[in-house]
Amino acid sequence: MPSRQAIKAQAKASFAHQRGTGILLFFVFALLACVCGVIPFLGLILVPVLSVGLVLGSLRLYRGEHTEVSHLFAKFGDDFGRCLGGVLWALLFTFLWSLLFWVPGIVKSYAYRMTPYILAECPHVRPTDAIKLSMRMTKGYKGALFVNDLSFIGWYLLSALTLDILGLVYVFPYYGTTQAGYYLALRDQALRDGVIHPQELA
């Protein structure tokens, strides 16, 4: 599996190649999430599916594929219910584990982290199966994901000092593209190790 430094370097280069689109992708998502947050029920229905569209765009950014803001809405069709169900199940399970104290909830949040990416890339994977596949992909790598998050703390502090302006124009797209890189690395490693099989991602 590639090192954290290699994944971040690729993410940085890929984001730089489509900087304007990357910034707009995350800005529009943040704007829509804020608007939906005014009506909690609407946010609960729309934001999870928008988040799957966001990771779809992030995956395309990381791979150097042509990316558009319209990818945010790619799952607003026949795939809406499947994506909504997958993200909400993952959030519910994380919440339930958090009731056992924060640490189990944090650990499980890393276990379920790849669920939206699987939903974005694998249109025939059922919601609960996406969660199970994410758990298998991240087994043994949750610590690496945690360390990667820690490596962005300085960026988030700088972003806070600029009232999140730096976040919108650099940190959030950079972090999101890095997360996409981790998904691809974990997926490929799991396939090589036989932890998951190609037909499970069909």
N, C-alpha and C. Protein backbone atom coordinates (compact mmCIF):
# COMPACT_ATOMS: atom_id res chain seq x y z
N MET A 1 0.86 -1.20 0.00
CA MET A 1 0.00 0.00 0.00
C MET A 1 0.89 1.24 0.00
N PRO A 2 0.53 2.27 -0.76
CA PRO A 2 1.34 3.50 -0.80
C PRO A 2 1.43 4.14 0.58
N SER A 3 2.50 4.88 0.81
CA SER A 3 2.67 5.58 2.07
C SER A 3 1.72 6.78 2.16
N ARG A 4 1.53 7.28 3.37
CA ARG A 4 0.71 8.48 3.56
C ARG A 4 1.27 9.65 2.75
N GLN A 5 2.57 9.79 2.75
CA GLN A 5 3.20 10.89 2.02
C GLN A 5 2.92 10.79 0.52
N ALA A 6 2.97 9.55 -0.01
CA ALA A 6 2.73 9.35 -1.44
C ALA A 6 1.28 9.66 -1.80
N ILE A 7 0.35 9.23 -0.96
CA ILE A 7 -1.07 9.50 -1.23
C ILE A 7 -1.35 11.00 -1.17
N LYS A 8 -0.78 11.68 -0.19
CA LYS A 8 -1.00 13.12 -0.06
C LYS A 8 -0.35 13.88 -1.22
N ALA A 9 0.80 13.42 -1.65
CA ALA A 9 1.47 14.09 -2.78
C ALA A 9 0.64 13.95 -4.05
N GLN A 10 0.08 12.75 -4.27
CA GLN A 10 -0.77 12.54 -5.44
C GLN A 10 -2.03 13.39 -5.35
N ALA A 11 -2.61 13.45 -4.15
CA ALA A 11 -3.82 14.25 -3.95
C ALA A 11 -3.55 15.72 -4.23
N LYS A 12 -2.43 16.21 -3.74
CA LYS A 12 -2.07 17.61 -3.94
C LYS A 12 -1.87 17.93 -5.42
N ALA A 13 -1.20 17.02 -6.11
CA ALA A 13 -0.95 17.23 -7.54
C ALA A 13 -2.25 17.16 -8.34
N SER A 14 -3.11 16.22 -8.01
CA SER A 14 -4.37 16.05 -8.73
C SER A 14 -5.29 17.25 -8.50
N PHE A 15 -5.34 17.73 -7.25
CA PHE A 15 -6.15 18.90 -6.94
C PHE A 15 -5.63 20.13 -7.68
N ALA A 16 -4.32 20.28 -7.73
CA ALA A 16 -3.72 21.42 -8.43
C ALA A 16 -4.07 21.41 -9.91
N HIS A 17 -4.23 20.21 -10.48
CA HIS A 17 -4.53 20.08 -11.90
C HIS A 17 -5.94 20.58 -12.24
N GLN A 18 -6.87 20.44 -11.28
CA GLN A 18 -8.24 20.91 -11.49
C GLN A 18 -8.67 21.77 -10.29
N ARG A 19 -7.82 22.71 -9.94
CA ARG A 19 -8.02 23.50 -8.72
C ARG A 19 -9.38 24.20 -8.69
N GLY A 20 -9.72 24.88 -9.77
CA GLY A 20 -10.98 25.62 -9.80
C GLY A 20 -12.18 24.71 -9.58
N THR A 21 -12.19 23.59 -10.27
CA THR A 21 -13.31 22.64 -10.12
C THR A 21 -13.34 22.05 -8.73
N GLY A 22 -12.16 21.72 -8.20
CA GLY A 22 -12.09 21.15 -6.86
C GLY A 22 -12.63 22.11 -5.81
N ILE A 23 -12.25 23.37 -5.90
CA ILE A 23 -12.74 24.37 -4.95
C ILE A 23 -14.24 24.52 -5.08
N LEU A 24 -14.73 24.62 -6.31
CA LEU A 24 -16.16 24.81 -6.54
C LEU A 24 -16.96 23.61 -6.06
N LEU A 25 -16.43 22.42 -6.26
CA LEU A 25 -17.11 21.19 -5.83
C LEU A 25 -17.37 21.22 -4.33
N PHE A 26 -16.33 21.53 -3.55
CA PHE A 26 -16.46 21.53 -2.10
C PHE A 26 -17.22 22.76 -1.61
N PHE A 27 -17.09 23.88 -2.30
CA PHE A 27 -17.83 25.08 -1.90
C PHE A 27 -19.32 24.88 -2.07
N VAL A 28 -19.73 24.35 -3.22
CA VAL A 28 -21.16 24.13 -3.47
C VAL A 28 -21.72 23.11 -2.48
N PHE A 29 -20.94 22.07 -2.18
CA PHE A 29 -21.41 21.09 -1.18
C PHE A 29 -21.62 21.77 0.17
N ALA A 30 -20.63 22.55 0.61
CA ALA A 30 -20.74 23.24 1.91
C ALA A 30 -21.93 24.19 1.93
N LEU A 31 -22.13 24.91 0.82
CA LEU A 31 -23.25 25.84 0.73
C LEU A 31 -24.58 25.11 0.82
N LEU A 32 -24.72 24.03 0.06
CA LEU A 32 -25.96 23.26 0.08
C LEU A 32 -26.20 22.62 1.44
N ALA A 33 -25.13 22.14 2.07
CA ALA A 33 -25.27 21.53 3.40
C ALA A 33 -25.77 22.56 4.41
N CYS A 34 -25.26 23.80 4.31
CA CYS A 34 -25.71 24.88 5.20
C CYS A 34 -27.17 25.22 4.96
N VAL A 35 -27.55 25.30 3.69
CA VAL A 35 -28.94 25.61 3.35
C VAL A 35 -29.87 24.51 3.85
N CYS A 36 -29.47 23.26 3.61
CA CYS A 36 -30.29 22.14 4.06
C CYS A 36 -30.37 22.07 5.58
N GLY A 37 -29.31 22.56 6.25
CA GLY A 37 -29.28 22.52 7.71
C GLY A 37 -30.33 23.39 8.35
N VAL A 38 -30.86 24.35 7.61
CA VAL A 38 -31.92 25.22 8.14
C VAL A 38 -33.17 24.39 8.41
N ILE A 39 -33.40 23.37 7.59
CA ILE A 39 -34.54 22.46 7.77
C ILE A 39 -33.94 21.08 8.05
N PRO A 40 -33.80 20.70 9.31
CA PRO A 40 -33.09 19.46 9.67
C PRO A 40 -33.55 18.22 8.91
N PHE A 41 -34.86 18.07 8.75
CA PHE A 41 -35.35 16.87 8.05
C PHE A 41 -34.85 16.84 6.61
N LEU A 42 -34.86 18.03 5.96
CA LEU A 42 -34.37 18.12 4.59
C LEU A 42 -32.89 17.77 4.53
N GLY A 43 -32.14 18.27 5.51
CA GLY A 43 -30.71 17.97 5.57
C GLY A 43 -30.46 16.49 5.75
N LEU A 44 -31.27 15.84 6.57
CA LEU A 44 -31.10 14.41 6.83
C LEU A 44 -31.33 13.58 5.58
N ILE A 45 -32.16 14.09 4.68
CA ILE A 45 -32.48 13.36 3.45
C ILE A 45 -31.49 13.67 2.33
N LEU A 46 -31.13 14.95 2.19
CA LEU A 46 -30.34 15.36 1.03
C LEU A 46 -28.83 15.30 1.24
N VAL A 47 -28.36 15.73 2.42
CA VAL A 47 -26.91 15.84 2.63
C VAL A 47 -26.20 14.49 2.51
N PRO A 48 -26.75 13.38 3.04
CA PRO A 48 -26.06 12.10 2.86
C PRO A 48 -25.85 11.73 1.40
N VAL A 49 -26.83 12.00 0.56
CA VAL A 49 -26.70 11.65 -0.86
C VAL A 49 -25.75 12.63 -1.55
N LEU A 50 -25.79 13.89 -1.15
CA LEU A 50 -24.82 14.85 -1.67
C LEU A 50 -23.40 14.45 -1.29
N SER A 51 -23.24 13.88 -0.10
CA SER A 51 -21.90 13.47 0.34
C SER A 51 -21.36 12.32 -0.51
N VAL A 52 -22.24 11.46 -0.98
CA VAL A 52 -21.81 10.39 -1.89
C VAL A 52 -21.38 11.00 -3.23
N GLY A 53 -22.13 12.01 -3.69
CA GLY A 53 -21.73 12.71 -4.90
C GLY A 53 -20.41 13.43 -4.73
N LEU A 54 -20.17 13.96 -3.52
CA LEU A 54 -18.91 14.65 -3.24
C LEU A 54 -17.73 13.69 -3.32
N VAL A 55 -17.88 12.51 -2.74
CA VAL A 55 -16.76 11.56 -2.80
C VAL A 55 -16.56 11.02 -4.21
N LEU A 56 -17.66 10.95 -4.98
CA LEU A 56 -17.52 10.57 -6.39
C LEU A 56 -16.66 11.58 -7.12
N GLY A 57 -16.95 12.87 -6.90
CA GLY A 57 -16.13 13.91 -7.51
C GLY A 57 -14.70 13.87 -7.01
N SER A 58 -14.50 13.59 -5.73
CA SER A 58 -13.16 13.50 -5.16
C SER A 58 -12.36 12.36 -5.77
N LEU A 59 -13.03 11.25 -6.00
CA LEU A 59 -12.36 10.11 -6.64
C LEU A 59 -11.90 10.47 -8.04
N ARG A 60 -12.75 11.18 -8.77
CA ARG A 60 -12.38 11.59 -10.12
C ARG A 60 -11.22 12.58 -10.09
N LEU A 61 -11.25 13.49 -9.11
CA LEU A 61 -10.14 14.43 -8.96
C LEU A 61 -8.83 13.68 -8.72
N TYR A 62 -8.85 12.74 -7.78
CA TYR A 62 -7.63 12.03 -7.43
C TYR A 62 -7.06 11.25 -8.61
N ARG A 63 -7.96 10.67 -9.41
CA ARG A 63 -7.51 9.85 -10.55
C ARG A 63 -7.17 10.71 -11.76
N GLY A 64 -7.36 12.02 -11.65
CA GLY A 64 -7.04 12.89 -12.76
C GLY A 64 -8.08 12.88 -13.86
N GLU A 65 -9.29 12.42 -13.56
CA GLU A 65 -10.37 12.38 -14.54
C GLU A 65 -11.12 13.71 -14.55
N HIS A 66 -11.73 14.02 -15.68
CA HIS A 66 -12.49 15.26 -15.79
C HIS A 66 -13.61 15.28 -14.75
N THR A 67 -13.65 16.32 -13.96
CA THR A 67 -14.60 16.42 -12.85
C THR A 67 -15.46 17.66 -13.03
N GLU A 68 -16.73 17.53 -12.67
CA GLU A 68 -17.66 18.65 -12.74
C GLU A 68 -18.45 18.75 -11.44
N VAL A 69 -18.95 19.94 -11.15
CA VAL A 69 -19.77 20.14 -9.95
C VAL A 69 -21.04 19.29 -10.03
N SER A 70 -21.49 19.00 -11.23
CA SER A 70 -22.70 18.19 -11.40
C SER A 70 -22.56 16.79 -10.82
N HIS A 71 -21.33 16.34 -10.56
CA HIS A 71 -21.15 15.03 -9.94
C HIS A 71 -21.74 14.98 -8.54
N LEU A 72 -21.90 16.15 -7.91
CA LEU A 72 -22.56 16.20 -6.60
C LEU A 72 -23.96 15.60 -6.66
N PHE A 73 -24.61 15.74 -7.79
CA PHE A 73 -26.00 15.31 -7.93
C PHE A 73 -26.13 14.00 -8.70
N ALA A 74 -25.02 13.30 -8.87
CA ALA A 74 -25.01 12.08 -9.68
C ALA A 74 -25.91 10.99 -9.12
N LYS A 75 -26.15 11.01 -7.81
CA LYS A 75 -26.96 9.96 -7.18
C LYS A 75 -28.40 10.38 -6.93
N PHE A 76 -28.78 11.55 -7.47
CA PHE A 76 -30.15 12.03 -7.33
C PHE A 76 -31.01 11.43 -8.44
N GLY A 77 -31.20 10.14 -8.37
CA GLY A 77 -31.98 9.42 -9.37
C GLY A 77 -32.37 8.08 -8.80
N ASP A 78 -32.24 7.04 -9.61
CA ASP A 78 -32.61 5.70 -9.15
C ASP A 78 -31.75 5.22 -7.99
N ASP A 79 -30.55 5.79 -7.84
CA ASP A 79 -29.62 5.35 -6.81
C ASP A 79 -29.80 6.11 -5.50
N PHE A 80 -30.75 7.03 -5.44
CA PHE A 80 -30.91 7.90 -4.28
C PHE A 80 -31.14 7.11 -3.00
N GLY A 81 -32.10 6.21 -3.01
CA GLY A 81 -32.47 5.46 -1.80
C GLY A 81 -31.34 4.59 -1.30
N ARG A 82 -30.62 3.95 -2.20
CA ARG A 82 -29.51 3.07 -1.81
C ARG A 82 -28.42 3.87 -1.12
N CYS A 83 -28.06 5.02 -1.69
CA CYS A 83 -27.01 5.86 -1.11
C CYS A 83 -27.46 6.46 0.22
N LEU A 84 -28.69 6.92 0.28
CA LEU A 84 -29.22 7.47 1.52
C LEU A 84 -29.19 6.42 2.62
N GLY A 85 -29.67 5.22 2.30
CA GLY A 85 -29.70 4.15 3.29
C GLY A 85 -28.32 3.78 3.79
N GLY A 86 -27.36 3.67 2.89
CA GLY A 86 -26.00 3.29 3.28
C GLY A 86 -25.37 4.28 4.23
N VAL A 87 -25.47 5.57 3.91
CA VAL A 87 -24.86 6.61 4.75
C VAL A 87 -25.58 6.69 6.09
N LEU A 88 -26.90 6.62 6.10
CA LEU A 88 -27.65 6.73 7.35
C LEU A 88 -27.40 5.53 8.25
N TRP A 89 -27.30 4.33 7.69
CA TRP A 89 -26.97 3.16 8.49
C TRP A 89 -25.61 3.32 9.15
N ALA A 90 -24.63 3.80 8.38
CA ALA A 90 -23.28 4.00 8.93
C ALA A 90 -23.30 5.02 10.06
N LEU A 91 -24.05 6.11 9.87
CA LEU A 91 -24.15 7.12 10.91
C LEU A 91 -24.85 6.58 12.15
N LEU A 92 -25.91 5.79 11.94
CA LEU A 92 -26.63 5.21 13.07
C LEU A 92 -25.75 4.25 13.86
N PHE A 93 -25.04 3.38 13.15
CA PHE A 93 -24.16 2.43 13.84
C PHE A 93 -23.06 3.16 14.62
N THR A 94 -22.52 4.22 14.02
CA THR A 94 -21.49 5.01 14.71
C THR A 94 -22.06 5.63 15.98
N PHE A 95 -23.26 6.17 15.88
CA PHE A 95 -23.91 6.77 17.04
C PHE A 95 -24.14 5.74 18.14
N LEU A 96 -24.62 4.57 17.78
CA LEU A 96 -24.89 3.53 18.78
C LEU A 96 -23.61 3.08 19.47
N TRP A 97 -22.52 2.95 18.70
CA TRP A 97 -21.24 2.59 19.31
C TRP A 97 -20.75 3.71 20.22
N SER A 98 -21.06 4.96 19.87
CA SER A 98 -20.63 6.10 20.69
C SER A 98 -21.30 6.10 22.05
N LEU A 99 -22.47 5.46 22.15
CA LEU A 99 -23.15 5.37 23.43
C LEU A 99 -22.36 4.54 24.43
N LEU A 100 -21.43 3.73 23.92
CA LEU A 100 -20.57 2.92 24.80
C LEU A 100 -19.31 3.68 25.20
N PHE A 101 -19.29 4.97 25.09
CA PHE A 101 -18.17 5.90 25.28
C PHE A 101 -17.61 6.30 23.92
N TRP A 102 -16.80 7.34 23.92
CA TRP A 102 -16.36 7.95 22.66
C TRP A 102 -15.42 7.06 21.88
N VAL A 103 -14.55 6.35 22.56
CA VAL A 103 -13.52 5.59 21.84
C VAL A 103 -14.11 4.56 20.89
N PRO A 104 -15.06 3.72 21.33
CA PRO A 104 -15.64 2.77 20.37
C PRO A 104 -16.29 3.48 19.18
N GLY A 105 -16.92 4.62 19.44
CA GLY A 105 -17.56 5.36 18.35
C GLY A 105 -16.55 5.88 17.36
N ILE A 106 -15.41 6.37 17.85
CA ILE A 106 -14.36 6.87 16.97
C ILE A 106 -13.78 5.74 16.14
N VAL A 107 -13.52 4.61 16.80
CA VAL A 107 -12.96 3.45 16.08
C VAL A 107 -13.91 3.00 14.98
N LYS A 108 -15.19 2.93 15.28
CA LYS A 108 -16.16 2.48 14.28
C LYS A 108 -16.34 3.51 13.17
N SER A 109 -16.17 4.79 13.49
CA SER A 109 -16.29 5.80 12.43
C SER A 109 -15.21 5.59 11.38
N TYR A 110 -14.03 5.13 11.80
CA TYR A 110 -12.97 4.82 10.84
C TYR A 110 -13.28 3.51 10.09
N ALA A 111 -13.90 2.58 10.78
CA ALA A 111 -14.25 1.32 10.13
C ALA A 111 -15.27 1.52 9.01
N TYR A 112 -16.20 2.48 9.22
CA TYR A 112 -17.26 2.72 8.25
C TYR A 112 -16.91 3.81 7.24
N ARG A 113 -15.73 4.38 7.34
CA ARG A 113 -15.40 5.58 6.57
C ARG A 113 -15.48 5.37 5.06
N MET A 114 -15.20 4.19 4.57
CA MET A 114 -15.17 3.96 3.12
C MET A 114 -16.55 3.65 2.54
N THR A 115 -17.57 3.63 3.39
CA THR A 115 -18.93 3.31 2.92
C THR A 115 -19.40 4.23 1.79
N PRO A 116 -19.29 5.57 1.91
CA PRO A 116 -19.75 6.43 0.81
C PRO A 116 -19.00 6.19 -0.49
N TYR A 117 -17.71 5.86 -0.40
CA TYR A 117 -16.92 5.61 -1.61
C TYR A 117 -17.39 4.35 -2.32
N ILE A 118 -17.70 3.33 -1.54
CA ILE A 118 -18.20 2.08 -2.12
C ILE A 118 -19.56 2.33 -2.77
N LEU A 119 -20.42 3.09 -2.08
CA LEU A 119 -21.73 3.42 -2.65
C LEU A 119 -21.57 4.23 -3.93
N ALA A 120 -20.58 5.11 -3.98
CA ALA A 120 -20.35 5.96 -5.15
C ALA A 120 -19.87 5.15 -6.34
N GLU A 121 -19.00 4.20 -6.10
CA GLU A 121 -18.34 3.47 -7.19
C GLU A 121 -19.01 2.16 -7.56
N CYS A 122 -19.79 1.59 -6.67
CA CYS A 122 -20.32 0.24 -6.89
C CYS A 122 -21.84 0.27 -6.84
N PRO A 123 -22.50 0.53 -7.96
CA PRO A 123 -23.95 0.78 -7.95
C PRO A 123 -24.82 -0.41 -7.58
N HIS A 124 -24.24 -1.61 -7.54
CA HIS A 124 -25.05 -2.78 -7.22
C HIS A 124 -24.80 -3.32 -5.81
N VAL A 125 -23.95 -2.64 -5.05
CA VAL A 125 -23.67 -3.06 -3.67
C VAL A 125 -24.76 -2.51 -2.76
N ARG A 126 -25.36 -3.39 -1.97
CA ARG A 126 -26.43 -2.98 -1.06
C ARG A 126 -25.87 -2.13 0.09
N PRO A 127 -26.71 -1.29 0.68
CA PRO A 127 -26.24 -0.39 1.74
C PRO A 127 -25.49 -1.08 2.87
N THR A 128 -26.09 -2.13 3.44
CA THR A 128 -25.43 -2.80 4.56
C THR A 128 -24.18 -3.55 4.11
N ASP A 129 -24.16 -4.03 2.87
CA ASP A 129 -22.96 -4.70 2.35
C ASP A 129 -21.83 -3.69 2.17
N ALA A 130 -22.16 -2.45 1.80
CA ALA A 130 -21.14 -1.42 1.66
C ALA A 130 -20.45 -1.17 3.00
N ILE A 131 -21.24 -1.18 4.08
CA ILE A 131 -20.67 -1.00 5.42
C ILE A 131 -19.75 -2.17 5.77
N LYS A 132 -20.18 -3.38 5.47
CA LYS A 132 -19.37 -4.56 5.78
C LYS A 132 -18.07 -4.55 4.97
N LEU A 133 -18.15 -4.17 3.71
CA LEU A 133 -16.94 -4.09 2.88
C LEU A 133 -15.98 -3.03 3.41
N SER A 134 -16.54 -1.91 3.86
CA SER A 134 -15.70 -0.86 4.44
C SER A 134 -14.97 -1.38 5.68
N MET A 135 -15.66 -2.13 6.51
CA MET A 135 -15.05 -2.68 7.71
C MET A 135 -13.90 -3.62 7.36
N ARG A 136 -14.09 -4.41 6.32
CA ARG A 136 -13.03 -5.33 5.91
C ARG A 136 -11.85 -4.60 5.29
N MET A 137 -12.13 -3.56 4.50
CA MET A 137 -11.06 -2.77 3.88
C MET A 137 -10.20 -2.06 4.91
N THR A 138 -10.84 -1.55 5.95
CA THR A 138 -10.11 -0.72 6.92
C THR A 138 -9.50 -1.53 8.06
N LYS A 139 -9.78 -2.82 8.11
CA LYS A 139 -9.21 -3.64 9.19
C LYS A 139 -7.69 -3.61 9.11
N GLY A 140 -7.07 -3.20 10.20
CA GLY A 140 -5.62 -3.09 10.24
C GLY A 140 -5.08 -1.76 9.75
N TYR A 141 -5.97 -0.90 9.24
CA TYR A 141 -5.53 0.39 8.68
C TYR A 141 -6.21 1.58 9.34
N LYS A 142 -7.02 1.33 10.35
CA LYS A 142 -7.71 2.46 11.01
C LYS A 142 -6.70 3.41 11.65
N GLY A 143 -5.61 2.86 12.16
CA GLY A 143 -4.57 3.71 12.74
C GLY A 143 -3.95 4.63 11.70
N ALA A 144 -3.73 4.10 10.50
CA ALA A 144 -3.16 4.91 9.42
C ALA A 144 -4.12 6.04 9.03
N LEU A 145 -5.41 5.75 9.01
CA LEU A 145 -6.40 6.79 8.70
C LEU A 145 -6.41 7.85 9.79
N PHE A 146 -6.28 7.42 11.04
CA PHE A 146 -6.25 8.36 12.16
C PHE A 146 -5.02 9.27 12.09
N VAL A 147 -3.86 8.68 11.80
CA VAL A 147 -2.63 9.48 11.68
C VAL A 147 -2.75 10.47 10.53
N ASN A 148 -3.37 10.05 9.44
CA ASN A 148 -3.56 10.98 8.32
C ASN A 148 -4.42 12.16 8.75
N ASP A 149 -5.48 11.89 9.51
CA ASP A 149 -6.31 12.98 10.01
C ASP A 149 -5.50 13.93 10.90
N LEU A 150 -4.65 13.36 11.75
CA LEU A 150 -3.81 14.18 12.63
C LEU A 150 -2.89 15.09 11.82
N SER A 151 -2.44 14.59 10.66
CA SER A 151 -1.51 15.37 9.85
C SER A 151 -2.14 16.62 9.26
N PHE A 152 -3.47 16.71 9.32
CA PHE A 152 -4.17 17.88 8.78
C PHE A 152 -4.55 18.88 9.87
N ILE A 153 -4.23 18.60 11.13
CA ILE A 153 -4.65 19.48 12.21
C ILE A 153 -4.09 20.89 12.02
N GLY A 154 -2.82 20.99 11.65
CA GLY A 154 -2.22 22.31 11.42
C GLY A 154 -2.96 23.09 10.36
N TRP A 155 -3.35 22.41 9.29
CA TRP A 155 -4.09 23.07 8.21
C TRP A 155 -5.44 23.57 8.71
N TYR A 156 -6.11 22.76 9.54
CA TYR A 156 -7.42 23.18 10.04
C TYR A 156 -7.30 24.36 11.00
N LEU A 157 -6.23 24.40 11.78
CA LEU A 157 -6.01 25.55 12.66
C LEU A 157 -5.78 26.83 11.85
N LEU A 158 -4.97 26.70 10.79
CA LEU A 158 -4.75 27.86 9.92
C LEU A 158 -6.05 28.29 9.25
N SER A 159 -6.85 27.30 8.85
CA SER A 159 -8.13 27.60 8.22
C SER A 159 -9.04 28.37 9.17
N ALA A 160 -9.05 27.96 10.45
CA ALA A 160 -9.89 28.64 11.45
C ALA A 160 -9.46 30.10 11.61
N LEU A 161 -8.17 30.35 11.52
CA LEU A 161 -7.67 31.72 11.65
C LEU A 161 -8.11 32.61 10.49
N THR A 162 -8.44 31.99 9.36
CA THR A 162 -8.89 32.76 8.20
C THR A 162 -10.40 32.68 8.02
N LEU A 163 -11.10 32.27 9.12
CA LEU A 163 -12.57 32.12 9.07
C LEU A 163 -12.98 31.11 8.01
N ASP A 164 -12.17 30.08 7.86
CA ASP A 164 -12.40 28.95 6.94
C ASP A 164 -12.26 29.32 5.46
N ILE A 165 -11.77 30.50 5.18
CA ILE A 165 -11.52 30.85 3.77
C ILE A 165 -10.44 29.94 3.20
N LEU A 166 -9.36 29.75 3.97
CA LEU A 166 -8.30 28.84 3.53
C LEU A 166 -8.84 27.43 3.37
N GLY A 167 -9.76 27.06 4.25
CA GLY A 167 -10.35 25.73 4.15
C GLY A 167 -11.09 25.53 2.85
N LEU A 168 -11.88 26.51 2.47
CA LEU A 168 -12.70 26.40 1.26
C LEU A 168 -11.85 26.40 -0.01
N VAL A 169 -10.77 27.15 -0.01
CA VAL A 169 -9.99 27.27 -1.25
C VAL A 169 -8.82 26.29 -1.31
N TYR A 170 -8.55 25.59 -0.20
CA TYR A 170 -7.41 24.67 -0.25
C TYR A 170 -7.56 23.44 0.66
N VAL A 171 -7.77 23.66 1.95
CA VAL A 171 -7.68 22.55 2.92
C VAL A 171 -8.75 21.49 2.68
N PHE A 172 -10.01 21.89 2.56
CA PHE A 172 -11.08 20.91 2.40
C PHE A 172 -10.95 20.10 1.11
N PRO A 173 -10.70 20.74 -0.04
CA PRO A 173 -10.49 19.95 -1.26
C PRO A 173 -9.26 19.04 -1.17
N TYR A 174 -8.19 19.54 -0.59
CA TYR A 174 -6.96 18.75 -0.43
C TYR A 174 -7.22 17.54 0.45
N TYR A 175 -7.89 17.74 1.58
CA TYR A 175 -8.20 16.64 2.48
C TYR A 175 -9.15 15.63 1.82
N GLY A 176 -10.19 16.14 1.17
CA GLY A 176 -11.14 15.25 0.51
C GLY A 176 -10.51 14.42 -0.58
N THR A 177 -9.61 15.01 -1.34
CA THR A 177 -8.92 14.28 -2.40
C THR A 177 -7.97 13.24 -1.79
N THR A 178 -7.35 13.57 -0.67
CA THR A 178 -6.49 12.61 0.03
C THR A 178 -7.31 11.42 0.52
N GLN A 179 -8.49 11.68 1.06
CA GLN A 179 -9.35 10.59 1.52
C GLN A 179 -9.74 9.67 0.37
N ALA A 180 -9.99 10.25 -0.80
CA ALA A 180 -10.29 9.44 -1.98
C ALA A 180 -9.10 8.55 -2.32
N GLY A 181 -7.90 9.10 -2.19
CA GLY A 181 -6.70 8.31 -2.44
C GLY A 181 -6.56 7.15 -1.48
N TYR A 182 -6.91 7.38 -0.22
CA TYR A 182 -6.86 6.30 0.77
C TYR A 182 -7.87 5.20 0.43
N TYR A 183 -9.06 5.59 0.00
CA TYR A 183 -10.04 4.58 -0.39
C TYR A 183 -9.50 3.70 -1.52
N LEU A 184 -8.96 4.32 -2.55
CA LEU A 184 -8.44 3.55 -3.68
C LEU A 184 -7.29 2.65 -3.24
N ALA A 185 -6.43 3.15 -2.36
CA ALA A 185 -5.30 2.35 -1.87
C ALA A 185 -5.80 1.18 -1.04
N LEU A 186 -6.76 1.41 -0.15
CA LEU A 186 -7.29 0.34 0.69
C LEU A 186 -8.06 -0.68 -0.14
N ARG A 187 -8.82 -0.20 -1.11
CA ARG A 187 -9.56 -1.12 -1.98
C ARG A 187 -8.60 -2.03 -2.74
N ASP A 188 -7.57 -1.45 -3.34
CA ASP A 188 -6.62 -2.24 -4.12
C ASP A 188 -5.85 -3.22 -3.23
N GLN A 189 -5.49 -2.78 -2.01
CA GLN A 189 -4.78 -3.66 -1.09
C GLN A 189 -5.68 -4.82 -0.66
N ALA A 190 -6.95 -4.52 -0.39
CA ALA A 190 -7.89 -5.57 0.01
C ALA A 190 -8.10 -6.59 -1.11
N LEU A 191 -8.12 -6.12 -2.34
CA LEU A 191 -8.25 -7.03 -3.48
C LEU A 191 -7.00 -7.90 -3.62
N ARG A 192 -5.84 -7.31 -3.46
CA ARG A 192 -4.59 -8.08 -3.56
C ARG A 192 -4.49 -9.13 -2.46
N ASP A 193 -4.95 -8.77 -1.26
CA ASP A 193 -4.85 -9.68 -0.12
C ASP A 193 -5.97 -10.71 -0.09
N GLY A 194 -6.95 -10.58 -0.97
CA GLY A 194 -8.08 -11.50 -0.96
C GLY A 194 -9.08 -11.22 0.14
N VAL A 195 -8.97 -10.05 0.77
CA VAL A 195 -9.92 -9.66 1.82
C VAL A 195 -11.29 -9.41 1.23
N ILE A 196 -11.31 -8.86 0.04
CA ILE A 196 -12.55 -8.72 -0.74
C ILE A 196 -12.28 -9.26 -2.13
N HIS A 197 -13.35 -9.56 -2.85
CA HIS A 197 -13.23 -10.14 -4.18
C HIS A 197 -13.87 -9.20 -5.20
N PRO A 198 -13.36 -9.16 -6.42
CA PRO A 198 -13.85 -8.20 -7.43
C PRO A 198 -15.37 -8.23 -7.60
N GLN A 199 -15.97 -9.43 -7.55
CA GLN A 199 -17.42 -9.52 -7.77
C GLN A 199 -18.22 -8.84 -6.67
N GLU A 200 -17.61 -8.66 -5.49
CA GLU A 200 -18.31 -7.99 -4.40
C GLU A 200 -18.43 -6.49 -4.64
N LEU A 201 -17.62 -5.97 -5.55
CA LEU A 201 -17.64 -4.54 -5.83
C LEU A 201 -18.34 -4.24 -7.15
N ALA A 202 -18.98 -5.20 -7.71
CA ALA A 202 -19.63 -5.04 -9.02
C ALA A 202 -20.80 -4.05 -8.92
